[in-house]
Amino acid sequence: MSMSLSGLDMMVAIGSSIYVYDLRNPEKPIQSKDSHMDVKIVCVSSIPYAKGFAVGSIDGRVALEISCPSSSDDIRYMFRCHPKSTDKRYHLESVNDIVFNPLMYGAFVTGDNDGYVTAWDAKSKKRLFQLPRYPNSVASLSYNHRGQLLAVASSYTYQEANEIEELPQVFVHEVGNDNMKSVSVGSSSRN
C-alpha cells in the first residue's frame, strides 16, 4: 500500500488499484481506478501542478495519468524503467518511489530496488538522466519545495533475499539546468 496527497485529495494504491479520497469526507473513495497493471503497485505519487498520478510496480514499470484541462492532450501511458539486458530480457526491479519536480512541469524521478534514480520527462516520454548507482535500494525520494534539491534515501528494503545490507544513507543532489552536484548528508547505524 502507498499513499500520496495533493491538496485535499489523498490517493491510495492497494494491489493494482488506485483510490482517491476527499480529505473533507474520507469515509469512502470519490473515485477508484484500475492501473491497467497486472502486478502489485509499490508506490503512487500525485502530481503537484495537475490532476493525475503516477504509479510504480514490482516489475519495474511506471504508469502515468495526467489530466490537462486546458487542452485535450491528456497524458496516459505505461513504460518500463529499465533497458533490455544483453540477453534481450527486461530487468524486473521494483520501482520503490516516484516524485515529481514541483516547478518543472512533467519532470519526475523514479527510484528502484537496484539502487538507481532516473529522471524522466512525462510529455516527451524520454529519460533525462540517471544518477550513479547507490549502495542499497532507493527507498525514498523527495524534492525541496523549489525543486532545486533532490534527497535520495538509500537503504535495505527487505524486498529481495540477495540484497546486501549496507548502512542506510541520505544523499542530497543539487538539481540545475546544466549540472547536478551531490553530497552525502549522513548515514545511520543499526541498533
C-alpha atoms as a PDB file:
ATOM      1  CA  MET A   1       0.000   0.000   0.000  1.00  0.00           C
ATOM      2  CA  SER A   2       1.160   3.523  -0.791  1.00  0.00           C
ATOM      3  CA  MET A   3      -0.384   6.971  -0.244  1.00  0.00           C
ATOM      4  CA  SER A   4       0.124  10.439  -1.703  1.00  0.00           C
ATOM      5  CA  LEU A   5      -1.502  13.815  -1.000  1.00  0.00           C
ATOM      6  CA  SER A   6      -2.388  16.577  -3.431  1.00  0.00           C
ATOM      7  CA  GLY A   7      -4.369  19.441  -1.919  1.00  0.00           C
ATOM      8  CA  LEU A   8      -7.464  17.875  -0.367  1.00  0.00           C
ATOM      9  CA  ASP A   9      -7.144  14.653  -2.373  1.00  0.00           C
ATOM     10  CA  MET A  10      -5.454  11.562  -0.974  1.00  0.00           C
ATOM     11  CA  MET A  11      -4.506   8.806  -3.400  1.00  0.00           C
ATOM     12  CA  VAL A  12      -4.121   5.287  -2.071  1.00  0.00           C
ATOM     13  CA  ALA A  13      -2.698   2.389  -4.073  1.00  0.00           C
ATOM     14  CA  ILE A  14      -3.726  -1.087  -2.946  1.00  0.00           C
ATOM     15  CA  GLY A  15      -2.899  -4.132  -5.033  1.00  0.00           C
ATOM     16  CA  SER A  16      -3.287  -2.929  -8.620  1.00  0.00           C
ATOM     17  CA  SER A  17      -5.959  -0.281  -7.914  1.00  0.00           C
ATOM     18  CA  ILE A  18      -5.873   3.417  -7.023  1.00  0.00           C
ATOM     19  CA  TYR A  19      -8.465   5.027  -4.760  1.00  0.00           C
ATOM     20  CA  VAL A  20      -8.949   8.802  -4.465  1.00  0.00           C
ATOM     21  CA  TYR A  21     -10.356  10.209  -1.208  1.00  0.00           C
ATOM     22  CA  ASP A  22     -11.538  13.738  -0.439  1.00  0.00           C
ATOM     23  CA  LEU A  23     -10.000  14.540   2.961  1.00  0.00           C
ATOM     24  CA  ARG A  24     -13.067  16.610   3.886  1.00  0.00           C
ATOM     25  CA  ASN A  25     -15.173  13.441   3.638  1.00  0.00           C
ATOM     26  CA  PRO A  26     -12.798  10.443   3.862  1.00  0.00           C
ATOM     27  CA  GLU A  27     -15.366   7.713   4.647  1.00  0.00           C
ATOM     28  CA  LYS A  28     -15.395   6.340   1.107  1.00  0.00           C
ATOM     29  CA  PRO A  29     -13.388   6.969  -2.054  1.00  0.00           C
ATOM     30  CA  ILE A  30     -14.693   9.554  -4.516  1.00  0.00           C
ATOM     31  CA  GLN A  31     -13.019   7.660  -7.339  1.00  0.00           C
ATOM     32  CA  SER A  32     -11.445   4.258  -7.913  1.00  0.00           C
ATOM     33  CA  LYS A  33      -9.279   3.365 -10.886  1.00  0.00           C
ATOM     34  CA  ASP A  34      -7.640   0.279 -12.251  1.00  0.00           C
ATOM     35  CA  SER A  35      -3.980   0.924 -13.026  1.00  0.00           C
ATOM     36  CA  HIS A  36      -4.027  -1.434 -16.031  1.00  0.00           C
ATOM     37  CA  MET A  37      -1.094  -3.247 -14.434  1.00  0.00           C
ATOM     38  CA  ASP A  38      -1.492  -6.924 -13.748  1.00  0.00           C
ATOM     39  CA  VAL A  39       1.008  -6.777 -10.878  1.00  0.00           C
ATOM     40  CA  LYS A  40       1.196  -5.113  -7.472  1.00  0.00           C
ATOM     41  CA  ILE A  41       1.652  -1.348  -7.271  1.00  0.00           C
ATOM     42  CA  VAL A  42       4.524  -0.404  -4.960  1.00  0.00           C
ATOM     43  CA  CYS A  43       4.164   3.390  -4.980  1.00  0.00           C
ATOM     44  CA  VAL A  44       1.770   6.135  -6.018  1.00  0.00           C
ATOM     45  CA  SER A  45       2.650   9.796  -6.479  1.00  0.00           C
ATOM     46  CA  SER A  46       0.198  12.620  -7.036  1.00  0.00           C
ATOM     47  CA  ILE A  47       1.194  15.411  -9.376  1.00  0.00           C
ATOM     48  CA  PRO A  48       1.636  18.767  -7.612  1.00  0.00           C
ATOM     49  CA  TYR A  49       0.560  21.013 -10.516  1.00  0.00           C
ATOM     50  CA  ALA A  50      -2.078  18.940 -12.327  1.00  0.00           C
ATOM     51  CA  LYS A  51      -4.793  16.368 -11.760  1.00  0.00           C
ATOM     52  CA  GLY A  52      -3.179  12.997 -12.075  1.00  0.00           C
ATOM     53  CA  PHE A  53      -0.796  10.458 -10.672  1.00  0.00           C
ATOM     54  CA  ALA A  54       1.992   8.041 -11.417  1.00  0.00           C
ATOM     55  CA  VAL A  55       2.326   4.522 -10.053  1.00  0.00           C
ATOM     56  CA  GLY A  56       5.337   2.212  -9.901  1.00  0.00           C
ATOM     57  CA  SER A  57       5.125  -1.577  -9.870  1.00  0.00           C
ATOM     58  CA  ILE A  58       7.122  -4.523  -8.594  1.00  0.00           C
ATOM     59  CA  ASP A  59       8.141  -5.419 -12.156  1.00  0.00           C
ATOM     60  CA  GLY A  60       9.861  -2.108 -12.987  1.00  0.00           C
ATOM     61  CA  ARG A  61       7.027  -0.359 -14.820  1.00  0.00           C
ATOM     62  CA  VAL A  62       5.567   3.119 -14.330  1.00  0.00           C
ATOM     63  CA  ALA A  63       2.058   4.138 -15.394  1.00  0.00           C
ATOM     64  CA  LEU A  64       1.128   7.811 -15.736  1.00  0.00           C
ATOM     65  CA  GLU A  65      -2.232   9.509 -15.918  1.00  0.00           C
ATOM     66  CA  ILE A  66      -2.160  13.317 -16.175  1.00  0.00           C
ATOM     67  CA  SER A  67      -5.284  15.353 -16.996  1.00  0.00           C
ATOM     68  CA  CYS A  68      -4.724  18.562 -18.944  1.00  0.00           C
ATOM     69  CA  PRO A  69      -7.934  20.615 -18.512  1.00  0.00           C
ATOM     70  CA  SER A  70      -6.778  23.418 -20.832  1.00  0.00           C
ATOM     71  CA  SER A  71      -6.392  21.028 -23.761  1.00  0.00           C
ATOM     72  CA  SER A  72      -7.402  17.584 -24.900  1.00  0.00           C
ATOM     73  CA  ASP A  73      -3.823  16.358 -24.567  1.00  0.00           C
ATOM     74  CA  ASP A  74      -4.283  14.115 -21.539  1.00  0.00           C
ATOM     75  CA  ILE A  75      -1.214  12.006 -20.881  1.00  0.00           C
ATOM     76  CA  ARG A  76      -1.780   8.286 -20.245  1.00  0.00           C
ATOM     77  CA  TYR A  77       0.824   5.621 -20.816  1.00  0.00           C
ATOM     78  CA  MET A  78       2.916   2.901 -19.223  1.00  0.00           C
ATOM     79  CA  PHE A  79       6.614   2.136 -19.682  1.00  0.00           C
ATOM     80  CA  ARG A  80       9.449   0.035 -18.290  1.00  0.00           C
ATOM     81  CA  CYS A  81      12.087   1.968 -16.363  1.00  0.00           C
ATOM     82  CA  HIS A  82      14.898  -0.429 -17.237  1.00  0.00           C
ATOM     83  CA  PRO A  83      16.531  -1.003 -20.608  1.00  0.00           C
ATOM     84  CA  LYS A  84      16.834  -4.507 -22.013  1.00  0.00           C
ATOM     85  CA  SER A  85      19.766  -6.509 -20.779  1.00  0.00           C
ATOM     86  CA  THR A  86      22.265  -8.159 -23.101  1.00  0.00           C
ATOM     87  CA  ASP A  87      20.129 -11.297 -23.321  1.00  0.00           C
ATOM     88  CA  LYS A  88      17.109  -9.206 -24.520  1.00  0.00           C
ATOM     89  CA  ARG A  89      15.203  -9.746 -21.267  1.00  0.00           C
ATOM     90  CA  TYR A  90      13.818  -6.956 -19.111  1.00  0.00           C
ATOM     91  CA  HIS A  91      15.162  -6.367 -15.639  1.00  0.00           C
ATOM     92  CA  LEU A  92      12.440  -6.847 -13.047  1.00  0.00           C
ATOM     93  CA  GLU A  93      13.466  -4.342 -10.376  1.00  0.00           C
ATOM     94  CA  SER A  94      10.718  -2.803  -8.289  1.00  0.00           C
ATOM     95  CA  VAL A  95      10.054   0.931  -8.663  1.00  0.00           C
ATOM     96  CA  ASN A  96      10.104   1.941  -4.989  1.00  0.00           C
ATOM     97  CA  ASP A  97       9.306   5.649  -5.261  1.00  0.00           C
ATOM     98  CA  ILE A  98       8.283   8.334  -7.740  1.00  0.00           C
ATOM     99  CA  VAL A  99       8.462  12.073  -7.120  1.00  0.00           C
ATOM    100  CA  PHE A 100       7.572  14.986  -9.391  1.00  0.00           C
ATOM    101  CA  ASN A 101       9.643  18.138  -9.537  1.00  0.00           C
ATOM    102  CA  PRO A 102       7.350  20.835  -8.074  1.00  0.00           C
ATOM    103  CA  LEU A 103       8.390  23.512 -10.591  1.00  0.00           C
ATOM    104  CA  MET A 104       9.314  21.660 -13.790  1.00  0.00           C
ATOM    105  CA  TYR A 105       6.069  20.542 -15.443  1.00  0.00           C
ATOM    106  CA  GLY A 106       6.211  16.861 -16.364  1.00  0.00           C
ATOM    107  CA  ALA A 107       9.640  16.146 -14.859  1.00  0.00           C
ATOM    108  CA  PHE A 108       9.769  13.277 -12.376  1.00  0.00           C
ATOM    109  CA  VAL A 109      12.268  10.826 -10.932  1.00  0.00           C
ATOM    110  CA  THR A 110      11.971   7.141 -10.100  1.00  0.00           C
ATOM    111  CA  GLY A 111      13.986   5.187  -7.555  1.00  0.00           C
ATOM    112  CA  ASP A 112      14.334   1.434  -7.891  1.00  0.00           C
ATOM    113  CA  ASN A 113      15.279  -1.638  -5.929  1.00  0.00           C
ATOM    114  CA  ASP A 114      18.560  -1.965  -7.829  1.00  0.00           C
ATOM    115  CA  GLY A 115      19.796   1.376  -6.419  1.00  0.00           C
ATOM    116  CA  TYR A 116      19.201   3.680  -9.395  1.00  0.00           C
ATOM    117  CA  VAL A 117      17.492   7.075  -9.650  1.00  0.00           C
ATOM    118  CA  THR A 118      16.333   8.059 -13.123  1.00  0.00           C
ATOM    119  CA  ALA A 119      14.792  11.361 -14.249  1.00  0.00           C
ATOM    120  CA  TRP A 120      12.048  11.368 -16.886  1.00  0.00           C
ATOM    121  CA  ASP A 121      10.056  13.830 -18.985  1.00  0.00           C
ATOM    122  CA  ALA A 122       6.390  12.795 -18.981  1.00  0.00           C
ATOM    123  CA  LYS A 123       5.443  14.819 -22.056  1.00  0.00           C
ATOM    124  CA  SER A 124       8.238  13.635 -24.370  1.00  0.00           C
ATOM    125  CA  LYS A 125       8.314  10.158 -22.766  1.00  0.00           C
ATOM    126  CA  LYS A 126      12.115  10.298 -22.579  1.00  0.00           C
ATOM    127  CA  ARG A 127      14.747   9.636 -19.964  1.00  0.00           C
ATOM    128  CA  LEU A 128      16.518  12.850 -18.957  1.00  0.00           C
ATOM    129  CA  PHE A 129      19.391  11.406 -16.912  1.00  0.00           C
ATOM    130  CA  GLN A 130      20.330   8.654 -14.485  1.00  0.00           C
ATOM    131  CA  LEU A 131      22.352   9.081 -11.309  1.00  0.00           C
ATOM    132  CA  PRO A 132      25.171   6.677 -10.423  1.00  0.00           C
ATOM    133  CA  ARG A 133      24.080   3.544  -8.579  1.00  0.00           C
ATOM    134  CA  TYR A 134      23.569   3.826  -4.812  1.00  0.00           C
ATOM    135  CA  PRO A 135      24.952   1.320  -2.287  1.00  0.00           C
ATOM    136  CA  ASN A 136      21.459  -0.032  -1.446  1.00  0.00           C
ATOM    137  CA  SER A 137      17.978   0.106  -2.897  1.00  0.00           C
ATOM    138  CA  VAL A 138      16.435   3.540  -3.307  1.00  0.00           C
ATOM    139  CA  ALA A 139      13.800   3.538  -0.573  1.00  0.00           C
ATOM    140  CA  SER A 140      12.522   7.113  -0.817  1.00  0.00           C
ATOM    141  CA  LEU A 141      12.868  10.313  -2.858  1.00  0.00           C
ATOM    142  CA  SER A 142      11.890  13.918  -2.149  1.00  0.00           C
ATOM    143  CA  TYR A 143      12.365  17.346  -3.722  1.00  0.00           C
ATOM    144  CA  ASN A 144      12.520  20.538  -1.695  1.00  0.00           C
ATOM    145  CA  HIS A 145       9.665  22.997  -2.295  1.00  0.00           C
ATOM    146  CA  ARG A 146      11.582  24.837  -5.046  1.00  0.00           C
ATOM    147  CA  GLY A 147      12.681  21.695  -6.902  1.00  0.00           C
ATOM    148  CA  GLN A 148      16.371  22.603  -6.589  1.00  0.00           C
ATOM    149  CA  LEU A 149      17.374  19.803  -4.204  1.00  0.00           C
ATOM    150  CA  LEU A 150      16.626  16.102  -4.544  1.00  0.00           C
ATOM    151  CA  ALA A 151      17.020  13.882  -1.469  1.00  0.00           C
ATOM    152  CA  VAL A 152      17.637  10.173  -2.050  1.00  0.00           C
ATOM    153  CA  ALA A 153      17.314   7.654   0.794  1.00  0.00           C
ATOM    154  CA  SER A 154      19.361   4.531   0.087  1.00  0.00           C
ATOM    155  CA  SER A 155      18.635   1.641   2.427  1.00  0.00           C
ATOM    156  CA  TYR A 156      17.939  -2.056   2.653  1.00  0.00           C
ATOM    157  CA  THR A 157      14.278  -2.560   1.666  1.00  0.00           C
ATOM    158  CA  TYR A 158      13.868  -6.257   2.568  1.00  0.00           C
ATOM    159  CA  GLN A 159      12.387  -6.974  -0.871  1.00  0.00           C
ATOM    160  CA  GLU A 160      14.982  -9.480  -2.023  1.00  0.00           C
ATOM    161  CA  ALA A 161      16.901 -12.159  -0.186  1.00  0.00           C
ATOM    162  CA  ASN A 162      20.130 -11.421  -2.065  1.00  0.00           C
ATOM    163  CA  GLU A 163      20.257  -7.698  -1.192  1.00  0.00           C
ATOM    164  CA  ILE A 164      23.494  -6.739   0.521  1.00  0.00           C
ATOM    165  CA  GLU A 165      22.656  -4.730   3.603  1.00  0.00           C
ATOM    166  CA  GLU A 166      24.699  -1.536   3.794  1.00  0.00           C
ATOM    167  CA  LEU A 167      24.199   1.283   6.277  1.00  0.00           C
ATOM    168  CA  PRO A 168      21.234   3.483   5.316  1.00  0.00           C
ATOM    169  CA  GLN A 169      22.310   6.806   3.821  1.00  0.00           C
ATOM    170  CA  VAL A 170      20.680  10.006   2.604  1.00  0.00           C
ATOM    171  CA  PHE A 171      22.163  11.814  -0.384  1.00  0.00           C
ATOM    172  CA  VAL A 172      21.198  15.326  -1.464  1.00  0.00           C
ATOM    173  CA  HIS A 173      21.681  16.415  -5.068  1.00  0.00           C
ATOM    174  CA  GLU A 174      21.569  19.987  -6.295  1.00  0.00           C
ATOM    175  CA  VAL A 175      19.438  19.978  -9.421  1.00  0.00           C
ATOM    176  CA  GLY A 176      20.254  22.632 -12.011  1.00  0.00           C
ATOM    177  CA  ASN A 177      19.843  23.227 -15.711  1.00  0.00           C
ATOM    178  CA  ASP A 178      23.389  22.208 -16.580  1.00  0.00           C
ATOM    179  CA  ASN A 179      24.640  20.283 -13.598  1.00  0.00           C
ATOM    180  CA  MET A 180      23.808  18.065 -10.691  1.00  0.00           C
ATOM    181  CA  LYS A 181      26.031  18.258  -7.632  1.00  0.00           C
ATOM    182  CA  SER A 182      25.892  15.557  -4.975  1.00  0.00           C
ATOM    183  CA  VAL A 183      26.672  15.400  -1.291  1.00  0.00           C
ATOM    184  CA  SER A 184      26.114  12.634   1.238  1.00  0.00           C
ATOM    185  CA  VAL A 185      24.313  14.033   4.267  1.00  0.00           C
ATOM    186  CA  GLY A 186      24.630  11.135   6.627  1.00  0.00           C
ATOM    187  CA  SER A 187      24.014   7.562   7.491  1.00  0.00           C
ATOM    188  CA  SER A 188      22.544   5.799  10.457  1.00  0.00           C
ATOM    189  CA  SER A 189      23.923   2.813  12.262  1.00  0.00           C
ATOM    190  CA  ARG A 190      21.856  -0.248  13.035  1.00  0.00           C
ATOM    191  CA  ASN A 191      20.827  -0.834  16.636  1.00  0.00           C
END
